[in-house]
Amino acid sequence: MEITAISGISGGLSQAFPVQEKAAQNPVNEFGDLLSKMAGKVNDLQNGADKSIQSLATGESKGLHEVMLAVEKASVSFQMLTQVRNKALEAYQEIMRMPV
């Protein structure tokens, strides 16, 4: 029995999940960029929820369930962003309390 048949799997995995090599960046910049992107996405979700509420009020909406889904998605994402901010702030405060 040949084991070479298994080598075909690794080729397929590398195509399905390519390894992304990034240039070495400052981790602080990466975290800041991540927070900025998260805030932008949350803002987009909240704007979409507002538009769906307005369309429901004007009678253009397809259904109440879609409006409620948009509002809840925006609410949950905002709560998540708030918790990430709180945890980052707690970590910063803990570091600042460390004796040097």
PDB file of N, CA and C in Angstrom:
ATOM      1  N   MET A   1       0.848  -1.167   0.000  1.00  0.00           N
ATOM      2  CA  MET A   1       0.000   0.000   0.000  1.00  0.00           C
ATOM      3  C   MET A   1       0.896   1.234   0.000  1.00  0.00           C
ATOM      4  N   GLU A   2       0.588   2.138  -0.906  1.00  0.00           N
ATOM      5  CA  GLU A   2       1.383   3.353  -1.020  1.00  0.00           C
ATOM      6  C   GLU A   2       0.774   4.481  -0.203  1.00  0.00           C
ATOM      7  N   ILE A   3       1.618   5.239   0.392  1.00  0.00           N
ATOM      8  CA  ILE A   3       1.157   6.380   1.180  1.00  0.00           C
ATOM      9  C   ILE A   3       1.140   7.643   0.327  1.00  0.00           C
ATOM     10  N   THR A   4       1.643   7.584  -0.854  1.00  0.00           N
ATOM     11  CA  THR A   4       1.699   8.773  -1.706  1.00  0.00           C
ATOM     12  C   THR A   4       0.313   9.285  -2.078  1.00  0.00           C
ATOM     13  N   ALA A   5      -0.707   8.471  -1.949  1.00  0.00           N
ATOM     14  CA  ALA A   5      -2.060   8.922  -2.266  1.00  0.00           C
ATOM     15  C   ALA A   5      -2.521  10.014  -1.308  1.00  0.00           C
ATOM     16  N   ILE A   6      -1.977  10.040  -0.112  1.00  0.00           N
ATOM     17  CA  ILE A   6      -2.354  11.059   0.868  1.00  0.00           C
ATOM     18  C   ILE A   6      -1.781  12.421   0.490  1.00  0.00           C
ATOM     19  N   SER A   7      -0.713  12.458  -0.271  1.00  0.00           N
ATOM     20  CA  SER A   7      -0.107  13.738  -0.626  1.00  0.00           C
ATOM     21  C   SER A   7      -1.054  14.614  -1.442  1.00  0.00           C
ATOM     22  N   GLY A   8      -2.008  14.026  -2.110  1.00  0.00           N
ATOM     23  CA  GLY A   8      -2.984  14.812  -2.858  1.00  0.00           C
ATOM     24  C   GLY A   8      -3.860  15.658  -1.956  1.00  0.00           C
ATOM     25  N   ILE A   9      -4.062  15.210  -0.731  1.00  0.00           N
ATOM     26  CA  ILE A   9      -4.884  15.971   0.217  1.00  0.00           C
ATOM     27  C   ILE A   9      -4.191  17.272   0.597  1.00  0.00           C
ATOM     28  N   SER A  10      -2.885  17.208   0.824  1.00  0.00           N
ATOM     29  CA  SER A  10      -2.183  18.421   1.249  1.00  0.00           C
ATOM     30  C   SER A  10      -2.192  19.481   0.155  1.00  0.00           C
ATOM     31  N   GLY A  11      -2.146  19.066  -1.093  1.00  0.00           N
ATOM     32  CA  GLY A  11      -2.228  20.037  -2.180  1.00  0.00           C
ATOM     33  C   GLY A  11      -3.574  20.728  -2.214  1.00  0.00           C
ATOM     34  N   GLY A  12      -4.631  19.972  -1.966  1.00  0.00           N
ATOM     35  CA  GLY A  12      -5.967  20.555  -1.936  1.00  0.00           C
ATOM     36  C   GLY A  12      -6.170  21.481  -0.758  1.00  0.00           C
ATOM     37  N   LEU A  13      -5.574  21.122   0.382  1.00  0.00           N
ATOM     38  CA  LEU A  13      -5.693  21.977   1.562  1.00  0.00           C
ATOM     39  C   LEU A  13      -4.975  23.301   1.363  1.00  0.00           C
ATOM     40  N   SER A  14      -3.808  23.245   0.709  1.00  0.00           N
ATOM     41  CA  SER A  14      -3.079  24.495   0.509  1.00  0.00           C
ATOM     42  C   SER A  14      -3.809  25.416  -0.459  1.00  0.00           C
ATOM     43  N   GLN A  15      -4.576  24.853  -1.368  1.00  0.00           N
ATOM     44  CA  GLN A  15      -5.365  25.689  -2.272  1.00  0.00           C
ATOM     45  C   GLN A  15      -6.599  26.232  -1.571  1.00  0.00           C
ATOM     46  N   ALA A  16      -7.212  25.439  -0.718  1.00  0.00           N
ATOM     47  CA  ALA A  16      -8.419  25.876  -0.024  1.00  0.00           C
ATOM     48  C   ALA A  16      -8.108  26.883   1.073  1.00  0.00           C
ATOM     49  N   PHE A  17      -6.991  26.700   1.753  1.00  0.00           N
ATOM     50  CA  PHE A  17      -6.604  27.587   2.852  1.00  0.00           C
ATOM     51  C   PHE A  17      -5.194  28.107   2.600  1.00  0.00           C
ATOM     52  N   PRO A  18      -5.044  29.108   1.736  1.00  0.00           N
ATOM     53  CA  PRO A  18      -3.698  29.601   1.446  1.00  0.00           C
ATOM     54  C   PRO A  18      -3.097  30.304   2.660  1.00  0.00           C
ATOM     55  N   VAL A  19      -1.809  30.117   2.814  1.00  0.00           N
ATOM     56  CA  VAL A  19      -1.093  30.755   3.915  1.00  0.00           C
ATOM     57  C   VAL A  19      -0.801  32.187   3.499  1.00  0.00           C
ATOM     58  N   GLN A  20      -1.243  33.112   4.311  1.00  0.00           N
ATOM     59  CA  GLN A  20      -1.025  34.517   4.003  1.00  0.00           C
ATOM     60  C   GLN A  20       0.189  34.997   4.774  1.00  0.00           C
ATOM     61  N   GLU A  21       1.201  35.386   4.034  1.00  0.00           N
ATOM     62  CA  GLU A  21       2.398  35.906   4.671  1.00  0.00           C
ATOM     63  C   GLU A  21       2.311  37.420   4.659  1.00  0.00           C
ATOM     64  N   LYS A  22       2.397  37.986   5.841  1.00  0.00           N
ATOM     65  CA  LYS A  22       2.318  39.430   5.961  1.00  0.00           C
ATOM     66  C   LYS A  22       3.690  39.976   6.312  1.00  0.00           C
ATOM     67  N   ALA A  23       3.894  41.195   5.903  1.00  0.00           N
ATOM     68  CA  ALA A  23       5.106  41.879   6.324  1.00  0.00           C
ATOM     69  C   ALA A  23       4.984  42.177   7.812  1.00  0.00           C
ATOM     70  N   ALA A  24       6.104  42.200   8.475  1.00  0.00           N
ATOM     71  CA  ALA A  24       6.081  42.457   9.913  1.00  0.00           C
ATOM     72  C   ALA A  24       5.567  43.873  10.154  1.00  0.00           C
ATOM     73  N   GLN A  25       4.461  43.961  10.865  1.00  0.00           N
ATOM     74  CA  GLN A  25       3.884  45.252  11.192  1.00  0.00           C
ATOM     75  C   GLN A  25       3.901  45.426  12.693  1.00  0.00           C
ATOM     76  N   ASN A  26       3.663  46.633  13.083  1.00  0.00           N
ATOM     77  CA  ASN A  26       3.573  46.936  14.497  1.00  0.00           C
ATOM     78  C   ASN A  26       2.259  46.376  15.022  1.00  0.00           C
ATOM     79  N   PRO A  27       2.281  45.525  16.061  1.00  0.00           N
ATOM     80  CA  PRO A  27       1.035  44.951  16.583  1.00  0.00           C
ATOM     81  C   PRO A  27       0.044  46.010  17.057  1.00  0.00           C
ATOM     82  N   VAL A  28       0.552  47.146  17.518  1.00  0.00           N
ATOM     83  CA  VAL A  28      -0.339  48.216  17.963  1.00  0.00           C
ATOM     84  C   VAL A  28      -1.132  48.750  16.779  1.00  0.00           C
ATOM     85  N   ASN A  29      -0.460  48.927  15.639  1.00  0.00           N
ATOM     86  CA  ASN A  29      -1.152  49.409  14.443  1.00  0.00           C
ATOM     87  C   ASN A  29      -2.181  48.402  13.963  1.00  0.00           C
ATOM     88  N   GLU A  30      -1.841  47.115  14.022  1.00  0.00           N
ATOM     89  CA  GLU A  30      -2.785  46.089  13.599  1.00  0.00           C
ATOM     90  C   GLU A  30      -4.022  46.090  14.490  1.00  0.00           C
ATOM     91  N   PHE A  31      -3.826  46.234  15.798  1.00  0.00           N
ATOM     92  CA  PHE A  31      -4.956  46.257  16.723  1.00  0.00           C
ATOM     93  C   PHE A  31      -5.789  47.513  16.507  1.00  0.00           C
ATOM     94  N   GLY A  32      -5.125  48.626  16.286  1.00  0.00           N
ATOM     95  CA  GLY A  32      -5.848  49.867  16.011  1.00  0.00           C
ATOM     96  C   GLY A  32      -6.643  49.779  14.725  1.00  0.00           C
ATOM     97  N   ASP A  33      -6.046  49.173  13.703  1.00  0.00           N
ATOM     98  CA  ASP A  33      -6.760  48.985  12.438  1.00  0.00           C
ATOM     99  C   ASP A  33      -7.959  48.067  12.625  1.00  0.00           C
ATOM    100  N   LEU A  34      -7.782  47.022  13.424  1.00  0.00           N
ATOM    101  CA  LEU A  34      -8.876  46.092  13.693  1.00  0.00           C
ATOM    102  C   LEU A  34     -10.031  46.803  14.385  1.00  0.00           C
ATOM    103  N   LEU A  35      -9.718  47.623  15.387  1.00  0.00           N
ATOM    104  CA  LEU A  35     -10.770  48.362  16.085  1.00  0.00           C
ATOM    105  C   LEU A  35     -11.460  49.354  15.158  1.00  0.00           C
ATOM    106  N   SER A  36     -10.690  49.990  14.295  1.00  0.00           N
ATOM    107  CA  SER A  36     -11.284  50.941  13.347  1.00  0.00           C
ATOM    108  C   SER A  36     -12.228  50.237  12.383  1.00  0.00           C
ATOM    109  N   LYS A  37     -11.811  49.074  11.897  1.00  0.00           N
ATOM    110  CA  LYS A  37     -12.673  48.314  10.986  1.00  0.00           C
ATOM    111  C   LYS A  37     -13.929  47.840  11.693  1.00  0.00           C
ATOM    112  N   MET A  38     -13.767  47.386  12.944  1.00  0.00           N
ATOM    113  CA  MET A  38     -14.938  46.938  13.705  1.00  0.00           C
ATOM    114  C   MET A  38     -15.911  48.090  13.922  1.00  0.00           C
ATOM    115  N   ALA A  39     -15.389  49.255  14.260  1.00  0.00           N
ATOM    116  CA  ALA A  39     -16.254  50.416  14.477  1.00  0.00           C
ATOM    117  C   ALA A  39     -16.960  50.805  13.185  1.00  0.00           C
ATOM    118  N   GLY A  40     -16.267  50.707  12.069  1.00  0.00           N
ATOM    119  CA  GLY A  40     -16.887  51.009  10.782  1.00  0.00           C
ATOM    120  C   GLY A  40     -18.002  50.040  10.439  1.00  0.00           C
ATOM    121  N   LYS A  41     -17.776  48.752  10.708  1.00  0.00           N
ATOM    122  CA  LYS A  41     -18.809  47.754  10.431  1.00  0.00           C
ATOM    123  C   LYS A  41     -20.021  47.941  11.329  1.00  0.00           C
ATOM    124  N   VAL A  42     -19.770  48.259  12.596  1.00  0.00           N
ATOM    125  CA  VAL A  42     -20.884  48.500  13.520  1.00  0.00           C
ATOM    126  C   VAL A  42     -21.676  49.721  13.065  1.00  0.00           C
ATOM    127  N   ASN A  43     -20.971  50.750  12.634  1.00  0.00           N
ATOM    128  CA  ASN A  43     -21.642  51.947  12.136  1.00  0.00           C
ATOM    129  C   ASN A  43     -22.490  51.626  10.910  1.00  0.00           C
ATOM    130  N   ASP A  44     -21.953  50.827  10.005  1.00  0.00           N
ATOM    131  CA  ASP A  44     -22.720  50.433   8.817  1.00  0.00           C
ATOM    132  C   ASP A  44     -23.969  49.644   9.197  1.00  0.00           C
ATOM    133  N   LEU A  45     -23.835  48.737  10.169  1.00  0.00           N
ATOM    134  CA  LEU A  45     -24.993  47.958  10.610  1.00  0.00           C
ATOM    135  C   LEU A  45     -26.048  48.848  11.253  1.00  0.00           C
ATOM    136  N   GLN A  46     -25.608  49.826  12.031  1.00  0.00           N
ATOM    137  CA  GLN A  46     -26.569  50.727  12.663  1.00  0.00           C
ATOM    138  C   GLN A  46     -27.260  51.612  11.632  1.00  0.00           C
ATOM    139  N   ASN A  47     -26.505  52.070  10.632  1.00  0.00           N
ATOM    140  CA  ASN A  47     -27.124  52.860   9.567  1.00  0.00           C
ATOM    141  C   ASN A  47     -28.128  52.023   8.780  1.00  0.00           C
ATOM    142  N   GLY A  48     -27.786  50.769   8.521  1.00  0.00           N
ATOM    143  CA  GLY A  48     -28.714  49.873   7.831  1.00  0.00           C
ATOM    144  C   GLY A  48     -29.971  49.622   8.640  1.00  0.00           C
ATOM    145  N   ALA A  49     -29.815  49.484   9.950  1.00  0.00           N
ATOM    146  CA  ALA A  49     -30.981  49.288  10.816  1.00  0.00           C
ATOM    147  C   ALA A  49     -31.866  50.526  10.806  1.00  0.00           C
ATOM    148  N   ASP A  50     -31.248  51.703  10.824  1.00  0.00           N
ATOM    149  CA  ASP A  50     -32.032  52.941  10.765  1.00  0.00           C
ATOM    150  C   ASP A  50     -32.811  53.041   9.454  1.00  0.00           C
ATOM    151  N   LYS A  51     -32.158  52.668   8.362  1.00  0.00           N
ATOM    152  CA  LYS A  51     -32.843  52.714   7.062  1.00  0.00           C
ATOM    153  C   LYS A  51     -33.997  51.721   7.013  1.00  0.00           C
ATOM    154  N   SER A  52     -33.797  50.552   7.608  1.00  0.00           N
ATOM    155  CA  SER A  52     -34.877  49.565   7.594  1.00  0.00           C
ATOM    156  C   SER A  52     -36.041  50.015   8.469  1.00  0.00           C
ATOM    157  N   ILE A  53     -35.759  50.713   9.567  1.00  0.00           N
ATOM    158  CA  ILE A  53     -36.836  51.256  10.402  1.00  0.00           C
ATOM    159  C   ILE A  53     -37.607  52.319   9.630  1.00  0.00           C
ATOM    160  N   GLN A  54     -36.880  53.173   8.925  1.00  0.00           N
ATOM    161  CA  GLN A  54     -37.546  54.206   8.131  1.00  0.00           C
ATOM    162  C   GLN A  54     -38.390  53.595   7.020  1.00  0.00           C
ATOM    163  N   SER A  55     -37.874  52.544   6.396  1.00  0.00           N
ATOM    164  CA  SER A  55     -38.647  51.908   5.327  1.00  0.00           C
ATOM    165  C   SER A  55     -39.882  51.209   5.884  1.00  0.00           C
ATOM    166  N   LEU A  56     -39.801  50.707   7.105  1.00  0.00           N
ATOM    167  CA  LEU A  56     -40.976  50.107   7.738  1.00  0.00           C
ATOM    168  C   LEU A  56     -42.015  51.181   8.045  1.00  0.00           C
ATOM    169  N   ALA A  57     -41.545  52.334   8.518  1.00  0.00           N
ATOM    170  CA  ALA A  57     -42.467  53.419   8.863  1.00  0.00           C
ATOM    171  C   ALA A  57     -43.161  53.982   7.626  1.00  0.00           C
ATOM    172  N   THR A  58     -42.473  53.981   6.494  1.00  0.00           N
ATOM    173  CA  THR A  58     -43.072  54.516   5.265  1.00  0.00           C
ATOM    174  C   THR A  58     -43.839  53.460   4.484  1.00  0.00           C
ATOM    175  N   GLY A  59     -43.777  52.223   4.931  1.00  0.00           N
ATOM    176  CA  GLY A  59     -44.517  51.162   4.256  1.00  0.00           C
ATOM    177  C   GLY A  59     -43.764  50.496   3.128  1.00  0.00           C
ATOM    178  N   GLU A  60     -42.482  50.822   2.963  1.00  0.00           N
ATOM    179  CA  GLU A  60     -41.676  50.231   1.886  1.00  0.00           C
ATOM    180  C   GLU A  60     -41.035  48.909   2.293  1.00  0.00           C
ATOM    181  N   SER A  61     -41.051  48.597   3.572  1.00  0.00           N
ATOM    182  CA  SER A  61     -40.363  47.414   4.076  1.00  0.00           C
ATOM    183  C   SER A  61     -41.078  46.137   3.663  1.00  0.00           C
ATOM    184  N   LYS A  62     -40.288  45.081   3.532  1.00  0.00           N
ATOM    185  CA  LYS A  62     -40.839  43.777   3.158  1.00  0.00           C
ATOM    186  C   LYS A  62     -41.485  43.085   4.345  1.00  0.00           C
ATOM    187  N   GLY A  63     -40.997  43.366   5.525  1.00  0.00           N
ATOM    188  CA  GLY A  63     -41.577  42.710   6.689  1.00  0.00           C
ATOM    189  C   GLY A  63     -40.945  43.169   7.982  1.00  0.00           C
ATOM    190  N   LEU A  64     -41.701  43.027   9.029  1.00  0.00           N
ATOM    191  CA  LEU A  64     -41.231  43.425  10.351  1.00  0.00           C
ATOM    192  C   LEU A  64     -40.069  42.555  10.811  1.00  0.00           C
ATOM    193  N   HIS A  65     -40.086  41.281  10.442  1.00  0.00           N
ATOM    194  CA  HIS A  65     -39.029  40.376  10.893  1.00  0.00           C
ATOM    195  C   HIS A  65     -37.662  40.798  10.357  1.00  0.00           C
ATOM    196  N   GLU A  66     -37.607  41.301   9.121  1.00  0.00           N
ATOM    197  CA  GLU A  66     -36.327  41.744   8.572  1.00  0.00           C
ATOM    198  C   GLU A  66     -35.814  42.983   9.302  1.00  0.00           C
ATOM    199  N   VAL A  67     -36.740  43.867   9.658  1.00  0.00           N
ATOM    200  CA  VAL A  67     -36.359  45.065  10.400  1.00  0.00           C
ATOM    201  C   VAL A  67     -35.831  44.678  11.774  1.00  0.00           C
ATOM    202  N   MET A  68     -36.515  43.765  12.437  1.00  0.00           N
ATOM    203  CA  MET A  68     -36.077  43.336  13.764  1.00  0.00           C
ATOM    204  C   MET A  68     -34.720  42.637  13.703  1.00  0.00           C
ATOM    205  N   LEU A  69     -34.488  41.847  12.661  1.00  0.00           N
ATOM    206  CA  LEU A  69     -33.185  41.198  12.510  1.00  0.00           C
ATOM    207  C   LEU A  69     -32.078  42.229  12.331  1.00  0.00           C
ATOM    208  N   ALA A  70     -32.326  43.239  11.517  1.00  0.00           N
ATOM    209  CA  ALA A  70     -31.320  44.277  11.289  1.00  0.00           C
ATOM    210  C   ALA A  70     -31.032  45.051  12.569  1.00  0.00           C
ATOM    211  N   VAL A  71     -32.077  45.370  13.321  1.00  0.00           N
ATOM    212  CA  VAL A  71     -31.905  46.117  14.566  1.00  0.00           C
ATOM    213  C   VAL A  71     -31.149  45.281  15.596  1.00  0.00           C
ATOM    214  N   GLU A  72     -31.504  44.018  15.732  1.00  0.00           N
ATOM    215  CA  GLU A  72     -30.825  43.163  16.711  1.00  0.00           C
ATOM    216  C   GLU A  72     -29.378  42.894  16.316  1.00  0.00           C
ATOM    217  N   LYS A  73     -29.117  42.726  15.028  1.00  0.00           N
ATOM    218  CA  LYS A  73     -27.745  42.516  14.576  1.00  0.00           C
ATOM    219  C   LYS A  73     -26.894  43.744  14.906  1.00  0.00           C
ATOM    220  N   ALA A  74     -27.447  44.931  14.683  1.00  0.00           N
ATOM    221  CA  ALA A  74     -26.726  46.162  15.012  1.00  0.00           C
ATOM    222  C   ALA A  74     -26.515  46.279  16.517  1.00  0.00           C
ATOM    223  N   SER A  75     -27.523  45.903  17.289  1.00  0.00           N
ATOM    224  CA  SER A  75     -27.422  45.995  18.743  1.00  0.00           C
ATOM    225  C   SER A  75     -26.367  45.038  19.293  1.00  0.00           C
ATOM    226  N   VAL A  76     -26.378  43.811  18.823  1.00  0.00           N
ATOM    227  CA  VAL A  76     -25.415  42.816  19.308  1.00  0.00           C
ATOM    228  C   VAL A  76     -23.995  43.204  18.905  1.00  0.00           C
ATOM    229  N   SER A  77     -23.818  43.692  17.695  1.00  0.00           N
ATOM    230  CA  SER A  77     -22.478  44.084  17.265  1.00  0.00           C
ATOM    231  C   SER A  77     -21.982  45.292  18.053  1.00  0.00           C
ATOM    232  N   PHE A  78     -22.875  46.220  18.396  1.00  0.00           N
ATOM    233  CA  PHE A  78     -22.473  47.363  19.213  1.00  0.00           C
ATOM    234  C   PHE A  78     -22.086  46.911  20.616  1.00  0.00           C
ATOM    235  N   GLN A  79     -22.834  45.980  21.182  1.00  0.00           N
ATOM    236  CA  GLN A  79     -22.498  45.460  22.508  1.00  0.00           C
ATOM    237  C   GLN A  79     -21.148  44.751  22.491  1.00  0.00           C
ATOM    238  N   MET A  80     -20.872  44.015  21.414  1.00  0.00           N
ATOM    239  CA  MET A  80     -19.592  43.328  21.305  1.00  0.00           C
ATOM    240  C   MET A  80     -18.452  44.336  21.210  1.00  0.00           C
ATOM    241  N   LEU A  81     -18.630  45.374  20.401  1.00  0.00           N
ATOM    242  CA  LEU A  81     -17.604  46.400  20.269  1.00  0.00           C
ATOM    243  C   LEU A  81     -17.359  47.095  21.605  1.00  0.00           C
ATOM    244  N   THR A  82     -18.417  47.343  22.343  1.00  0.00           N
ATOM    245  CA  THR A  82     -18.289  47.971  23.655  1.00  0.00           C
ATOM    246  C   THR A  82     -17.516  47.072  24.615  1.00  0.00           C
ATOM    247  N   GLN A  83     -17.782  45.775  24.591  1.00  0.00           N
ATOM    248  CA  GLN A  83     -17.067  44.851  25.470  1.00  0.00           C
ATOM    249  C   GLN A  83     -15.593  44.736  25.089  1.00  0.00           C
ATOM    250  N   VAL A  84     -15.297  44.744  23.792  1.00  0.00           N
ATOM    251  CA  VAL A  84     -13.896  44.707  23.362  1.00  0.00           C
ATOM    252  C   VAL A  84     -13.178  45.954  23.859  1.00  0.00           C
ATOM    253  N   ARG A  85     -13.838  47.102  23.733  1.00  0.00           N
ATOM    254  CA  ARG A  85     -13.251  48.349  24.224  1.00  0.00           C
ATOM    255  C   ARG A  85     -13.031  48.281  25.734  1.00  0.00           C
ATOM    256  N   ASN A  86     -14.020  47.772  26.465  1.00  0.00           N
ATOM    257  CA  ASN A  86     -13.896  47.679  27.921  1.00  0.00           C
ATOM    258  C   ASN A  86     -12.743  46.768  28.329  1.00  0.00           C
ATOM    259  N   LYS A  87     -12.604  45.632  27.655  1.00  0.00           N
ATOM    260  CA  LYS A  87     -11.521  44.703  27.990  1.00  0.00           C
ATOM    261  C   LYS A  87     -10.165  45.308  27.657  1.00  0.00           C
ATOM    262  N   ALA A  88     -10.071  46.020  26.543  1.00  0.00           N
ATOM    263  CA  ALA A  88      -8.809  46.673  26.190  1.00  0.00           C
ATOM    264  C   ALA A  88      -8.466  47.750  27.213  1.00  0.00           C
ATOM    265  N   LEU A  89      -9.453  48.492  27.649  1.00  0.00           N
ATOM    266  CA  LEU A  89      -9.233  49.523  28.658  1.00  0.00           C
ATOM    267  C   LEU A  89      -8.825  48.909  29.995  1.00  0.00           C
ATOM    268  N   GLU A  90      -9.452  47.805  30.378  1.00  0.00           N
ATOM    269  CA  GLU A  90      -9.073  47.113  31.615  1.00  0.00           C
ATOM    270  C   GLU A  90      -7.640  46.604  31.536  1.00  0.00           C
ATOM    271  N   ALA A  91      -7.244  46.071  30.384  1.00  0.00           N
ATOM    272  CA  ALA A  91      -5.879  45.578  30.219  1.00  0.00           C
ATOM    273  C   ALA A  91      -4.885  46.730  30.315  1.00  0.00           C
ATOM    274  N   TYR A  92      -5.209  47.859  29.707  1.00  0.00           N
ATOM    275  CA  TYR A  92      -4.344  49.030  29.783  1.00  0.00           C
ATOM    276  C   TYR A  92      -4.209  49.511  31.223  1.00  0.00           C
ATOM    277  N   GLN A  93      -5.325  49.578  31.940  1.00  0.00           N
ATOM    278  CA  GLN A  93      -5.284  50.028  33.331  1.00  0.00           C
ATOM    279  C   GLN A  93      -4.481  49.065  34.202  1.00  0.00           C
ATOM    280  N   GLU A  94      -4.598  47.778  33.932  1.00  0.00           N
ATOM    281  CA  GLU A  94      -3.829  46.781  34.686  1.00  0.00           C
ATOM    282  C   GLU A  94      -2.335  46.952  34.431  1.00  0.00           C
ATOM    283  N   ILE A  95      -1.971  47.212  33.198  1.00  0.00           N
ATOM    284  CA  ILE A  95      -0.556  47.429  32.871  1.00  0.00           C
ATOM    285  C   ILE A  95      -0.044  48.689  33.553  1.00  0.00           C
ATOM    286  N   MET A  96      -0.864  49.720  33.588  1.00  0.00           N
ATOM    287  CA  MET A  96      -0.440  50.975  34.215  1.00  0.00           C
ATOM    288  C   MET A  96      -0.291  50.829  35.731  1.00  0.00           C
ATOM    289  N   ARG A  97      -0.980  49.892  36.338  1.00  0.00           N
ATOM    290  CA  ARG A  97      -0.872  49.663  37.779  1.00  0.00           C
ATOM    291  C   ARG A  97       0.345  48.817  38.155  1.00  0.00           C
ATOM    292  N   MET A  98       0.993  48.207  37.180  1.00  0.00           N
ATOM    293  CA  MET A  98       2.151  47.361  37.479  1.00  0.00           C
ATOM    294  C   MET A  98       3.322  48.215  37.957  1.00  0.00           C
ATOM    295  N   PRO A  99       3.970  47.764  39.019  1.00  0.00           N
ATOM    296  CA  PRO A  99       5.149  48.516  39.473  1.00  0.00           C
ATOM    297  C   PRO A  99       6.326  48.285  38.524  1.00  0.00           C
ATOM    298  N   VAL A 100       7.111  49.321  38.374  1.00  0.00           N
ATOM    299  CA  VAL A 100       8.260  49.222  37.463  1.00  0.00           C
ATOM    300  C   VAL A 100       9.515  48.914  38.221  1.00  0.00           C
TER     301      VAL A 100
END
